[in-house]
Amino acid sequence: MSTPTGPASGLPVRMPRPRQSGRHRRPEPVVAPEGAAALVLAVPGTPSSDTRSLAEEVISIARSELPGLNARIGYLDGDDAEYPALASELTHASTERTARYEQAVAAGREVAAPEGPSAVVVPLLAGPDSSIVRRIRQAVMDSGTQVELTDVLGPHPLLAEALHVRLSEAGLARADRARLFTVATAADGIVLATVGGEEAVQAAGITGMLLAARLAVPVMAAALDVDGSVSSIAEQLRNAGSAQLALAPYLVGPEIDASLLEAAAKEVGCATAEPLGAYPAIGKLVLSLYATALGITPATPQGAPVH
């Protein structure tokens, strides 16, 4: 029982940890600069409650890494009601920043006038898809605002990590090579499934090499939106000695109809892992692209980007 002067005798007393000083002192957490451009996540595919939940989780991860971040979600196929269209969100971001500046001036605060882009658009895409990126660029132009458009999320070592985790969750890969933890259903060949044609396949191949190094099994990329691509890659892997294949979606999720994945897996007769979804690395990479565009430095994702 506690006493007026502190804990009763015999109980441990928790003392505050002294603040570190010198070169080993922990850096102060970075916060979003006042008046900074908004982060607008460009979400492809047909809007749905599942898509919105995924996008909101990605944004939540980004906000946890950079407190004070002004983040929005814009849908390429949005209806401006339940699912705001990308162009509208960009217009709102610009209007909101101007209004905040005017309010600060009216309140007598000394603030700098907004400069540079009013928003940074980050496509929610693991790899390049020229048709989707063209639509994002068109939405940017339609908004009539000054906007910075970043690259897609990959290739990046963190995406190889995410793929590994999704495969292990499905029982298709060892969870930890160091512990020699084996899975009876572990695949001995991976088809890395992407969308966006040959350009996307080449980009996915870079992440595929990183995944192959993690799993110690061959990994080859194929395009779900190119007829015969998945079956051709599956045949190559089998001819090279892989007897038990698995399909690893190199996709966040919203950019493709789930039935295409199911059909591809059925076509080549193999199991499939879940798309990357809101794996923490996705939110961190979104923030990293945003921060790079603005020249700010939040916590950097581990693993150097591969471009």
C-alpha atoms as a PDB file:
ATOM      1  CA  MET A   1       0.000   0.000   0.000  1.00  0.00           C
ATOM      2  CA  SER A   2       1.278   3.449  -0.772  1.00  0.00           C
ATOM      3  CA  THR A   3       1.960   6.068   1.856  1.00  0.00           C
ATOM      4  CA  PRO A   4       1.711   9.880   1.583  1.00  0.00           C
ATOM      5  CA  THR A   5       5.453   9.950   0.911  1.00  0.00           C
ATOM      6  CA  GLY A   6       5.550   7.185  -1.725  1.00  0.00           C
ATOM      7  CA  PRO A   7       5.315   3.420  -1.994  1.00  0.00           C
ATOM      8  CA  ALA A   8       5.242   1.372   1.150  1.00  0.00           C
ATOM      9  CA  SER A   9       8.486  -0.128   2.389  1.00  0.00           C
ATOM     10  CA  GLY A  10       9.638  -3.121   0.404  1.00  0.00           C
ATOM     11  CA  LEU A  11       8.069  -2.101  -2.891  1.00  0.00           C
ATOM     12  CA  PRO A  12      10.354  -1.121  -5.776  1.00  0.00           C
ATOM     13  CA  VAL A  13      10.482   2.527  -6.673  1.00  0.00           C
ATOM     14  CA  ARG A  14      10.467   3.323 -10.413  1.00  0.00           C
ATOM     15  CA  MET A  15      12.747   6.263 -10.980  1.00  0.00           C
ATOM     16  CA  PRO A  16      12.648   8.319 -14.186  1.00  0.00           C
ATOM     17  CA  ARG A  17      15.413   7.391 -16.610  1.00  0.00           C
ATOM     18  CA  PRO A  18      17.932  10.223 -16.894  1.00  0.00           C
ATOM     19  CA  ARG A  19      17.960  11.977 -20.266  1.00  0.00           C
ATOM     20  CA  GLN A  20      20.930  10.923 -22.357  1.00  0.00           C
ATOM     21  CA  SER A  21      23.433  13.535 -23.306  1.00  0.00           C
ATOM     22  CA  GLY A  22      26.340  13.755 -25.720  1.00  0.00           C
ATOM     23  CA  ARG A  23      26.699  11.829 -28.920  1.00  0.00           C
ATOM     24  CA  HIS A  24      24.698   8.832 -27.622  1.00  0.00           C
ATOM     25  CA  ARG A  25      21.671  10.956 -26.882  1.00  0.00           C
ATOM     26  CA  ARG A  26      18.566   9.775 -28.690  1.00  0.00           C
ATOM     27  CA  PRO A  27      17.491  12.159 -31.455  1.00  0.00           C
ATOM     28  CA  GLU A  28      14.328  14.124 -30.928  1.00  0.00           C
ATOM     29  CA  PRO A  29      11.407  12.592 -32.861  1.00  0.00           C
ATOM     30  CA  VAL A  30      10.820  14.249 -36.205  1.00  0.00           C
ATOM     31  CA  VAL A  31       7.424  15.836 -36.749  1.00  0.00           C
ATOM     32  CA  ALA A  32       5.851  17.075 -39.950  1.00  0.00           C
ATOM     33  CA  PRO A  33       6.808  20.705 -40.663  1.00  0.00           C
ATOM     34  CA  GLU A  34       4.014  23.227 -40.215  1.00  0.00           C
ATOM     35  CA  GLY A  35       2.368  23.979 -43.546  1.00  0.00           C
ATOM     36  CA  ALA A  36       4.007  21.006 -45.250  1.00  0.00           C
ATOM     37  CA  ALA A  37       2.385  19.495 -48.310  1.00  0.00           C
ATOM     38  CA  ALA A  38      -0.256  16.860 -47.674  1.00  0.00           C
ATOM     39  CA  LEU A  39       0.493  13.218 -48.363  1.00  0.00           C
ATOM     40  CA  VAL A  40      -2.188  11.926 -50.716  1.00  0.00           C
ATOM     41  CA  LEU A  41      -2.296   8.168 -51.189  1.00  0.00           C
ATOM     42  CA  ALA A  42      -3.474   7.338 -54.722  1.00  0.00           C
ATOM     43  CA  VAL A  43      -5.493   4.128 -54.477  1.00  0.00           C
ATOM     44  CA  PRO A  44      -6.219   2.197 -57.696  1.00  0.00           C
ATOM     45  CA  GLY A  45      -8.952  -0.340 -58.299  1.00  0.00           C
ATOM     46  CA  THR A  46     -12.633  -0.465 -57.470  1.00  0.00           C
ATOM     47  CA  PRO A  47     -13.280   1.284 -54.136  1.00  0.00           C
ATOM     48  CA  SER A  48     -14.700  -0.885 -51.368  1.00  0.00           C
ATOM     49  CA  SER A  49     -14.813  -1.006 -47.587  1.00  0.00           C
ATOM     50  CA  ASP A  50     -11.904  -3.466 -47.615  1.00  0.00           C
ATOM     51  CA  THR A  51      -9.866  -1.161 -49.843  1.00  0.00           C
ATOM     52  CA  ARG A  52     -10.602   1.786 -47.584  1.00  0.00           C
ATOM     53  CA  SER A  53      -9.596  -0.167 -44.465  1.00  0.00           C
ATOM     54  CA  LEU A  54      -6.320  -1.154 -46.100  1.00  0.00           C
ATOM     55  CA  ALA A  55      -5.561   2.418 -47.206  1.00  0.00           C
ATOM     56  CA  GLU A  56      -6.435   3.810 -43.775  1.00  0.00           C
ATOM     57  CA  GLU A  57      -4.093   1.305 -42.120  1.00  0.00           C
ATOM     58  CA  VAL A  58      -1.265   2.321 -44.466  1.00  0.00           C
ATOM     59  CA  ILE A  59      -1.878   5.974 -43.610  1.00  0.00           C
ATOM     60  CA  SER A  60      -1.983   5.132 -39.896  1.00  0.00           C
ATOM     61  CA  ILE A  61       1.455   3.514 -40.142  1.00  0.00           C
ATOM     62  CA  ALA A  62       2.831   6.575 -41.946  1.00  0.00           C
ATOM     63  CA  ARG A  63       1.383   8.918 -39.292  1.00  0.00           C
ATOM     64  CA  SER A  64       2.924   6.861 -36.505  1.00  0.00           C
ATOM     65  CA  GLU A  65       6.324   7.393 -38.132  1.00  0.00           C
ATOM     66  CA  LEU A  66       5.802  11.146 -38.686  1.00  0.00           C
ATOM     67  CA  PRO A  67       3.517  12.795 -36.104  1.00  0.00           C
ATOM     68  CA  GLY A  68       1.536  15.723 -37.421  1.00  0.00           C
ATOM     69  CA  LEU A  69       1.427  14.314 -40.950  1.00  0.00           C
ATOM     70  CA  ASN A  70      -1.502  15.637 -42.994  1.00  0.00           C
ATOM     71  CA  ALA A  71      -2.520  12.575 -44.987  1.00  0.00           C
ATOM     72  CA  ARG A  72      -5.447  11.908 -47.308  1.00  0.00           C
ATOM     73  CA  ILE A  73      -6.739   9.076 -49.456  1.00  0.00           C
ATOM     74  CA  GLY A  74      -7.779   9.626 -53.067  1.00  0.00           C
ATOM     75  CA  TYR A  75      -9.359   6.897 -55.185  1.00  0.00           C
ATOM     76  CA  LEU A  76      -8.739   6.688 -58.926  1.00  0.00           C
ATOM     77  CA  ASP A  77     -12.275   5.387 -59.354  1.00  0.00           C
ATOM     78  CA  GLY A  78     -13.758   7.390 -56.506  1.00  0.00           C
ATOM     79  CA  ASP A  79     -17.241   8.904 -56.558  1.00  0.00           C
ATOM     80  CA  ASP A  80     -16.479  12.019 -54.424  1.00  0.00           C
ATOM     81  CA  ALA A  81     -18.991  10.915 -51.800  1.00  0.00           C
ATOM     82  CA  GLU A  82     -18.117   7.769 -49.872  1.00  0.00           C
ATOM     83  CA  TYR A  83     -14.840   7.394 -51.765  1.00  0.00           C
ATOM     84  CA  PRO A  84     -13.269  10.780 -52.634  1.00  0.00           C
ATOM     85  CA  ALA A  85     -11.746  10.973 -56.115  1.00  0.00           C
ATOM     86  CA  LEU A  86      -8.025  11.670 -56.314  1.00  0.00           C
ATOM     87  CA  ALA A  87      -8.402  14.948 -58.241  1.00  0.00           C
ATOM     88  CA  SER A  88     -10.882  16.261 -55.657  1.00  0.00           C
ATOM     89  CA  GLU A  89      -8.618  15.378 -52.748  1.00  0.00           C
ATOM     90  CA  LEU A  90      -5.762  17.264 -54.387  1.00  0.00           C
ATOM     91  CA  THR A  91      -7.939  20.327 -54.856  1.00  0.00           C
ATOM     92  CA  HIS A  92      -9.092  20.127 -51.223  1.00  0.00           C
ATOM     93  CA  ALA A  93      -5.516  19.803 -49.992  1.00  0.00           C
ATOM     94  CA  SER A  94      -4.509  22.972 -51.827  1.00  0.00           C
ATOM     95  CA  THR A  95      -7.564  24.917 -50.604  1.00  0.00           C
ATOM     96  CA  GLU A  96      -7.047  23.746 -47.031  1.00  0.00           C
ATOM     97  CA  ARG A  97      -3.386  24.800 -46.938  1.00  0.00           C
ATOM     98  CA  THR A  98      -4.241  28.268 -48.206  1.00  0.00           C
ATOM     99  CA  ALA A  99      -7.052  28.609 -45.643  1.00  0.00           C
ATOM    100  CA  ARG A 100      -4.751  27.598 -42.792  1.00  0.00           C
ATOM    101  CA  TYR A 101      -2.199  30.201 -43.836  1.00  0.00           C
ATOM    102  CA  GLU A 102      -4.826  32.933 -44.037  1.00  0.00           C
ATOM    103  CA  GLN A 103      -6.192  31.990 -40.606  1.00  0.00           C
ATOM    104  CA  ALA A 104      -2.701  32.141 -39.098  1.00  0.00           C
ATOM    105  CA  VAL A 105      -2.105  35.601 -40.603  1.00  0.00           C
ATOM    106  CA  ALA A 106      -5.483  36.816 -39.364  1.00  0.00           C
ATOM    107  CA  ALA A 107      -4.572  35.602 -35.879  1.00  0.00           C
ATOM    108  CA  GLY A 108      -1.437  37.720 -35.953  1.00  0.00           C
ATOM    109  CA  ARG A 109       1.044  34.870 -36.255  1.00  0.00           C
ATOM    110  CA  GLU A 110       4.230  35.286 -38.238  1.00  0.00           C
ATOM    111  CA  VAL A 111       4.108  32.442 -40.734  1.00  0.00           C
ATOM    112  CA  ALA A 112       5.724  31.965 -44.099  1.00  0.00           C
ATOM    113  CA  ALA A 113       3.517  31.911 -47.152  1.00  0.00           C
ATOM    114  CA  PRO A 114       3.015  28.382 -48.552  1.00  0.00           C
ATOM    115  CA  GLU A 115       5.604  27.419 -51.165  1.00  0.00           C
ATOM    116  CA  GLY A 116       6.101  24.399 -53.361  1.00  0.00           C
ATOM    117  CA  PRO A 117       3.584  21.623 -53.973  1.00  0.00           C
ATOM    118  CA  SER A 118       0.405  21.540 -51.922  1.00  0.00           C
ATOM    119  CA  ALA A 119       0.439  17.744 -52.005  1.00  0.00           C
ATOM    120  CA  VAL A 120       2.725  14.794 -52.611  1.00  0.00           C
ATOM    121  CA  VAL A 121       0.948  11.928 -54.358  1.00  0.00           C
ATOM    122  CA  VAL A 122       2.216   8.426 -53.594  1.00  0.00           C
ATOM    123  CA  PRO A 123       0.785   5.622 -55.760  1.00  0.00           C
ATOM    124  CA  LEU A 124      -0.276   2.586 -53.744  1.00  0.00           C
ATOM    125  CA  LEU A 125       1.567   0.272 -56.139  1.00  0.00           C
ATOM    126  CA  ALA A 126       4.346  -2.207 -55.403  1.00  0.00           C
ATOM    127  CA  GLY A 127       5.658  -1.977 -58.954  1.00  0.00           C
ATOM    128  CA  PRO A 128       5.199   0.090 -62.104  1.00  0.00           C
ATOM    129  CA  ASP A 129       1.923  -0.079 -63.992  1.00  0.00           C
ATOM    130  CA  SER A 130       1.959   2.447 -66.822  1.00  0.00           C
ATOM    131  CA  SER A 131      -1.817   2.437 -67.337  1.00  0.00           C
ATOM    132  CA  ILE A 132      -2.505   3.260 -63.678  1.00  0.00           C
ATOM    133  CA  VAL A 133       0.295   5.822 -63.465  1.00  0.00           C
ATOM    134  CA  ARG A 134      -1.104   7.592 -66.555  1.00  0.00           C
ATOM    135  CA  ARG A 135      -4.466   7.860 -64.840  1.00  0.00           C
ATOM    136  CA  ILE A 136      -2.824   9.257 -61.707  1.00  0.00           C
ATOM    137  CA  ARG A 137      -1.030  11.888 -63.811  1.00  0.00           C
ATOM    138  CA  GLN A 138      -4.319  12.802 -65.467  1.00  0.00           C
ATOM    139  CA  ALA A 139      -5.985  13.233 -62.071  1.00  0.00           C
ATOM    140  CA  VAL A 140      -3.114  15.495 -61.019  1.00  0.00           C
ATOM    141  CA  MET A 141      -3.650  17.660 -64.104  1.00  0.00           C
ATOM    142  CA  ASP A 142      -7.417  17.699 -63.570  1.00  0.00           C
ATOM    143  CA  SER A 143      -6.935  19.020 -60.041  1.00  0.00           C
ATOM    144  CA  GLY A 144      -5.271  22.191 -61.349  1.00  0.00           C
ATOM    145  CA  THR A 145      -2.920  22.241 -58.345  1.00  0.00           C
ATOM    146  CA  GLN A 146       0.835  22.089 -57.867  1.00  0.00           C
ATOM    147  CA  VAL A 147       1.569  18.480 -56.961  1.00  0.00           C
ATOM    148  CA  GLU A 148       4.629  16.263 -56.633  1.00  0.00           C
ATOM    149  CA  LEU A 149       4.126  12.682 -57.880  1.00  0.00           C
ATOM    150  CA  THR A 150       6.491  10.064 -56.475  1.00  0.00           C
ATOM    151  CA  ASP A 151       7.630   6.748 -57.882  1.00  0.00           C
ATOM    152  CA  VAL A 152       5.958   3.457 -56.940  1.00  0.00           C
ATOM    153  CA  LEU A 153       7.004   1.605 -53.772  1.00  0.00           C
ATOM    154  CA  GLY A 154       9.396  -0.932 -55.249  1.00  0.00           C
ATOM    155  CA  PRO A 155      11.772  -2.486 -55.878  1.00  0.00           C
ATOM    156  CA  HIS A 156      12.902  -2.461 -52.251  1.00  0.00           C
ATOM    157  CA  PRO A 157      14.333  -4.975 -49.752  1.00  0.00           C
ATOM    158  CA  LEU A 158      11.412  -4.331 -47.401  1.00  0.00           C
ATOM    159  CA  LEU A 159       9.043  -5.669 -50.057  1.00  0.00           C
ATOM    160  CA  ALA A 160      11.103  -8.866 -50.235  1.00  0.00           C
ATOM    161  CA  GLU A 161      10.688  -9.130 -46.469  1.00  0.00           C
ATOM    162  CA  ALA A 162       6.930  -8.591 -46.792  1.00  0.00           C
ATOM    163  CA  LEU A 163       6.669 -11.280 -49.485  1.00  0.00           C
ATOM    164  CA  HIS A 164       8.612 -13.688 -47.266  1.00  0.00           C
ATOM    165  CA  VAL A 165       6.246 -13.024 -44.370  1.00  0.00           C
ATOM    166  CA  ARG A 166       3.130 -13.530 -46.509  1.00  0.00           C
ATOM    167  CA  LEU A 167       4.513 -16.839 -47.841  1.00  0.00           C
ATOM    168  CA  SER A 168       5.385 -18.056 -44.354  1.00  0.00           C
ATOM    169  CA  GLU A 169       1.928 -17.053 -43.090  1.00  0.00           C
ATOM    170  CA  ALA A 170       0.433 -19.295 -45.776  1.00  0.00           C
ATOM    171  CA  GLY A 171       2.749 -22.165 -44.805  1.00  0.00           C
ATOM    172  CA  LEU A 172       4.597 -21.909 -48.110  1.00  0.00           C
ATOM    173  CA  ALA A 173       8.038 -20.855 -46.845  1.00  0.00           C
ATOM    174  CA  ARG A 174      10.288 -21.209 -43.834  1.00  0.00           C
ATOM    175  CA  ALA A 175       9.661 -18.387 -41.420  1.00  0.00           C
ATOM    176  CA  ASP A 176      13.278 -18.194 -40.273  1.00  0.00           C
ATOM    177  CA  ARG A 177      16.243 -19.691 -42.128  1.00  0.00           C
ATOM    178  CA  ALA A 178      18.564 -19.093 -39.181  1.00  0.00           C
ATOM    179  CA  ARG A 179      16.538 -21.473 -36.991  1.00  0.00           C
ATOM    180  CA  LEU A 180      16.145 -24.003 -39.797  1.00  0.00           C
ATOM    181  CA  PHE A 181      12.411 -24.019 -39.177  1.00  0.00           C
ATOM    182  CA  THR A 182      10.934 -26.200 -41.926  1.00  0.00           C
ATOM    183  CA  VAL A 183       7.420 -26.269 -43.276  1.00  0.00           C
ATOM    184  CA  ALA A 184       6.138 -29.486 -44.820  1.00  0.00           C
ATOM    185  CA  THR A 185       4.305 -27.566 -47.528  1.00  0.00           C
ATOM    186  CA  ALA A 186       7.171 -25.126 -48.232  1.00  0.00           C
ATOM    187  CA  ALA A 187       7.514 -24.331 -51.927  1.00  0.00           C
ATOM    188  CA  ASP A 188      10.723 -25.031 -53.821  1.00  0.00           C
ATOM    189  CA  GLY A 189       9.917 -22.492 -56.533  1.00  0.00           C
ATOM    190  CA  ILE A 190       8.110 -19.149 -56.395  1.00  0.00           C
ATOM    191  CA  VAL A 191       6.128 -17.417 -59.138  1.00  0.00           C
ATOM    192  CA  LEU A 192       6.204 -13.718 -58.291  1.00  0.00           C
ATOM    193  CA  ALA A 193       2.918 -12.425 -59.723  1.00  0.00           C
ATOM    194  CA  THR A 194       2.620  -8.777 -60.704  1.00  0.00           C
ATOM    195  CA  VAL A 195       0.612  -6.558 -63.059  1.00  0.00           C
ATOM    196  CA  GLY A 196       1.776  -3.936 -65.524  1.00  0.00           C
ATOM    197  CA  GLY A 197       3.283  -5.976 -68.341  1.00  0.00           C
ATOM    198  CA  GLU A 198       6.959  -6.487 -69.107  1.00  0.00           C
ATOM    199  CA  GLU A 199       8.117  -3.340 -67.295  1.00  0.00           C
ATOM    200  CA  ALA A 200       6.492  -4.577 -64.102  1.00  0.00           C
ATOM    201  CA  VAL A 201       7.993  -8.048 -64.558  1.00  0.00           C
ATOM    202  CA  GLN A 202      11.499  -6.611 -64.857  1.00  0.00           C
ATOM    203  CA  ALA A 203      11.050  -4.447 -61.758  1.00  0.00           C
ATOM    204  CA  ALA A 204       9.556  -7.350 -59.798  1.00  0.00           C
ATOM    205  CA  GLY A 205      12.538  -9.459 -60.804  1.00  0.00           C
ATOM    206  CA  ILE A 206      14.817  -7.241 -58.708  1.00  0.00           C
ATOM    207  CA  THR A 207      12.732  -7.822 -55.593  1.00  0.00           C
ATOM    208  CA  GLY A 208      12.496 -11.466 -56.663  1.00  0.00           C
ATOM    209  CA  MET A 209      16.278 -11.830 -56.453  1.00  0.00           C
ATOM    210  CA  LEU A 210      16.187 -10.474 -52.912  1.00  0.00           C
ATOM    211  CA  LEU A 211      13.385 -12.886 -52.034  1.00  0.00           C
ATOM    212  CA  ALA A 212      15.294 -15.805 -53.562  1.00  0.00           C
ATOM    213  CA  ALA A 213      18.274 -14.948 -51.361  1.00  0.00           C
ATOM    214  CA  ARG A 214      16.028 -15.026 -48.294  1.00  0.00           C
ATOM    215  CA  LEU A 215      14.323 -18.334 -49.174  1.00  0.00           C
ATOM    216  CA  ALA A 216      17.174 -20.127 -50.966  1.00  0.00           C
ATOM    217  CA  VAL A 217      14.743 -21.215 -53.703  1.00  0.00           C
ATOM    218  CA  PRO A 218      14.339 -19.935 -57.282  1.00  0.00           C
ATOM    219  CA  VAL A 219      11.970 -17.002 -57.787  1.00  0.00           C
ATOM    220  CA  MET A 220      10.752 -15.810 -61.188  1.00  0.00           C
ATOM    221  CA  ALA A 221       8.373 -12.951 -61.979  1.00  0.00           C
ATOM    222  CA  ALA A 222       5.302 -13.179 -64.212  1.00  0.00           C
ATOM    223  CA  ALA A 223       2.567 -10.766 -65.275  1.00  0.00           C
ATOM    224  CA  LEU A 224      -1.007 -11.619 -64.343  1.00  0.00           C
ATOM    225  CA  ASP A 225      -2.273  -9.275 -67.058  1.00  0.00           C
ATOM    226  CA  VAL A 226      -0.314 -10.952 -69.869  1.00  0.00           C
ATOM    227  CA  ASP A 227      -1.842 -14.122 -71.313  1.00  0.00           C
ATOM    228  CA  GLY A 228       0.314 -17.179 -70.726  1.00  0.00           C
ATOM    229  CA  SER A 229       2.914 -15.371 -68.612  1.00  0.00           C
ATOM    230  CA  VAL A 230       2.223 -17.185 -65.341  1.00  0.00           C
ATOM    231  CA  SER A 231       1.949 -20.637 -66.936  1.00  0.00           C
ATOM    232  CA  SER A 232       5.149 -20.051 -68.921  1.00  0.00           C
ATOM    233  CA  ILE A 233       7.130 -19.105 -65.807  1.00  0.00           C
ATOM    234  CA  ALA A 234       5.667 -22.029 -63.871  1.00  0.00           C
ATOM    235  CA  GLU A 235       6.792 -24.377 -66.642  1.00  0.00           C
ATOM    236  CA  GLN A 236      10.309 -22.916 -66.579  1.00  0.00           C
ATOM    237  CA  LEU A 237      10.553 -23.445 -62.841  1.00  0.00           C
ATOM    238  CA  ARG A 238       9.335 -27.028 -63.101  1.00  0.00           C
ATOM    239  CA  ASN A 239      11.740 -27.765 -65.941  1.00  0.00           C
ATOM    240  CA  ALA A 240      14.519 -26.455 -63.701  1.00  0.00           C
ATOM    241  CA  GLY A 241      13.576 -28.937 -60.981  1.00  0.00           C
ATOM    242  CA  SER A 242      10.996 -27.167 -58.820  1.00  0.00           C
ATOM    243  CA  ALA A 243       8.248 -29.646 -57.959  1.00  0.00           C
ATOM    244  CA  GLN A 244       6.173 -27.647 -55.505  1.00  0.00           C
ATOM    245  CA  LEU A 245       5.394 -24.119 -56.648  1.00  0.00           C
ATOM    246  CA  ALA A 246       3.752 -21.205 -54.874  1.00  0.00           C
ATOM    247  CA  LEU A 247       2.305 -17.963 -56.188  1.00  0.00           C
ATOM    248  CA  ALA A 248       3.487 -14.821 -54.351  1.00  0.00           C
ATOM    249  CA  PRO A 249       1.459 -11.717 -55.262  1.00  0.00           C
ATOM    250  CA  TYR A 250       3.793  -8.754 -55.751  1.00  0.00           C
ATOM    251  CA  LEU A 251       0.741  -6.558 -55.227  1.00  0.00           C
ATOM    252  CA  VAL A 252      -0.627  -4.395 -52.452  1.00  0.00           C
ATOM    253  CA  GLY A 253      -4.119  -5.647 -53.276  1.00  0.00           C
ATOM    254  CA  PRO A 254      -6.538  -3.003 -54.591  1.00  0.00           C
ATOM    255  CA  GLU A 255      -4.868  -2.759 -58.000  1.00  0.00           C
ATOM    256  CA  ILE A 256      -6.218  -6.117 -59.189  1.00  0.00           C
ATOM    257  CA  ASP A 257      -9.352  -8.239 -59.009  1.00  0.00           C
ATOM    258  CA  ALA A 258      -8.735 -11.092 -56.556  1.00  0.00           C
ATOM    259  CA  SER A 259     -10.296 -13.525 -59.037  1.00  0.00           C
ATOM    260  CA  LEU A 260      -7.272 -13.087 -61.336  1.00  0.00           C
ATOM    261  CA  LEU A 261      -4.985 -14.409 -58.626  1.00  0.00           C
ATOM    262  CA  GLU A 262      -7.267 -17.361 -57.960  1.00  0.00           C
ATOM    263  CA  ALA A 263      -7.488 -18.177 -61.662  1.00  0.00           C
ATOM    264  CA  ALA A 264      -3.712 -17.974 -62.106  1.00  0.00           C
ATOM    265  CA  ALA A 265      -3.047 -20.240 -59.136  1.00  0.00           C
ATOM    266  CA  LYS A 266      -5.610 -22.739 -60.413  1.00  0.00           C
ATOM    267  CA  GLU A 267      -4.133 -22.614 -63.919  1.00  0.00           C
ATOM    268  CA  VAL A 268      -0.676 -23.664 -62.764  1.00  0.00           C
ATOM    269  CA  GLY A 269      -1.877 -25.879 -59.922  1.00  0.00           C
ATOM    270  CA  CYS A 270      -0.233 -24.204 -56.946  1.00  0.00           C
ATOM    271  CA  ALA A 271      -1.093 -22.511 -53.678  1.00  0.00           C
ATOM    272  CA  THR A 272      -0.983 -18.745 -53.297  1.00  0.00           C
ATOM    273  CA  ALA A 273      -0.037 -16.348 -50.517  1.00  0.00           C
ATOM    274  CA  GLU A 274      -1.990 -13.213 -49.655  1.00  0.00           C
ATOM    275  CA  PRO A 275      -1.146  -9.860 -51.294  1.00  0.00           C
ATOM    276  CA  LEU A 276       1.149  -7.515 -49.375  1.00  0.00           C
ATOM    277  CA  GLY A 277      -1.798  -5.536 -47.988  1.00  0.00           C
ATOM    278  CA  ALA A 278      -1.125  -3.222 -45.059  1.00  0.00           C
ATOM    279  CA  TYR A 279       2.134  -4.879 -44.040  1.00  0.00           C
ATOM    280  CA  PRO A 280       4.057  -2.262 -41.986  1.00  0.00           C
ATOM    281  CA  ALA A 281       6.717  -1.896 -44.680  1.00  0.00           C
ATOM    282  CA  ILE A 282       4.093  -0.509 -47.067  1.00  0.00           C
ATOM    283  CA  GLY A 283       3.283   2.421 -44.776  1.00  0.00           C
ATOM    284  CA  LYS A 284       6.973   3.075 -44.126  1.00  0.00           C
ATOM    285  CA  LEU A 285       7.801   3.108 -47.834  1.00  0.00           C
ATOM    286  CA  VAL A 286       4.880   5.454 -48.551  1.00  0.00           C
ATOM    287  CA  LEU A 287       6.231   7.853 -45.944  1.00  0.00           C
ATOM    288  CA  SER A 288       9.797   7.480 -47.215  1.00  0.00           C
ATOM    289  CA  LEU A 289       8.753   8.521 -50.727  1.00  0.00           C
ATOM    290  CA  TYR A 290       6.800  11.478 -49.325  1.00  0.00           C
ATOM    291  CA  ALA A 291       9.690  12.599 -47.129  1.00  0.00           C
ATOM    292  CA  THR A 292      12.215  12.297 -49.947  1.00  0.00           C
ATOM    293  CA  ALA A 293      10.017  14.450 -52.187  1.00  0.00           C
ATOM    294  CA  LEU A 294       9.954  17.189 -49.537  1.00  0.00           C
ATOM    295  CA  GLY A 295      13.519  16.817 -48.297  1.00  0.00           C
ATOM    296  CA  ILE A 296      12.581  15.905 -44.723  1.00  0.00           C
ATOM    297  CA  THR A 297      14.069  13.015 -42.778  1.00  0.00           C
ATOM    298  CA  PRO A 298      11.769  10.820 -40.704  1.00  0.00           C
ATOM    299  CA  ALA A 299      12.917   7.375 -39.626  1.00  0.00           C
ATOM    300  CA  THR A 300      14.432   5.704 -42.700  1.00  0.00           C
ATOM    301  CA  PRO A 301      13.171   2.200 -43.592  1.00  0.00           C
ATOM    302  CA  GLN A 302      15.880  -0.417 -43.111  1.00  0.00           C
ATOM    303  CA  GLY A 303      17.374  -1.657 -46.332  1.00  0.00           C
ATOM    304  CA  ALA A 304      18.576   0.609 -49.083  1.00  0.00           C
ATOM    305  CA  PRO A 305      16.149   1.068 -51.983  1.00  0.00           C
ATOM    306  CA  VAL A 306      16.981  -0.739 -55.177  1.00  0.00           C
ATOM    307  CA  HIS A 307      16.317   1.304 -58.319  1.00  0.00           C
END
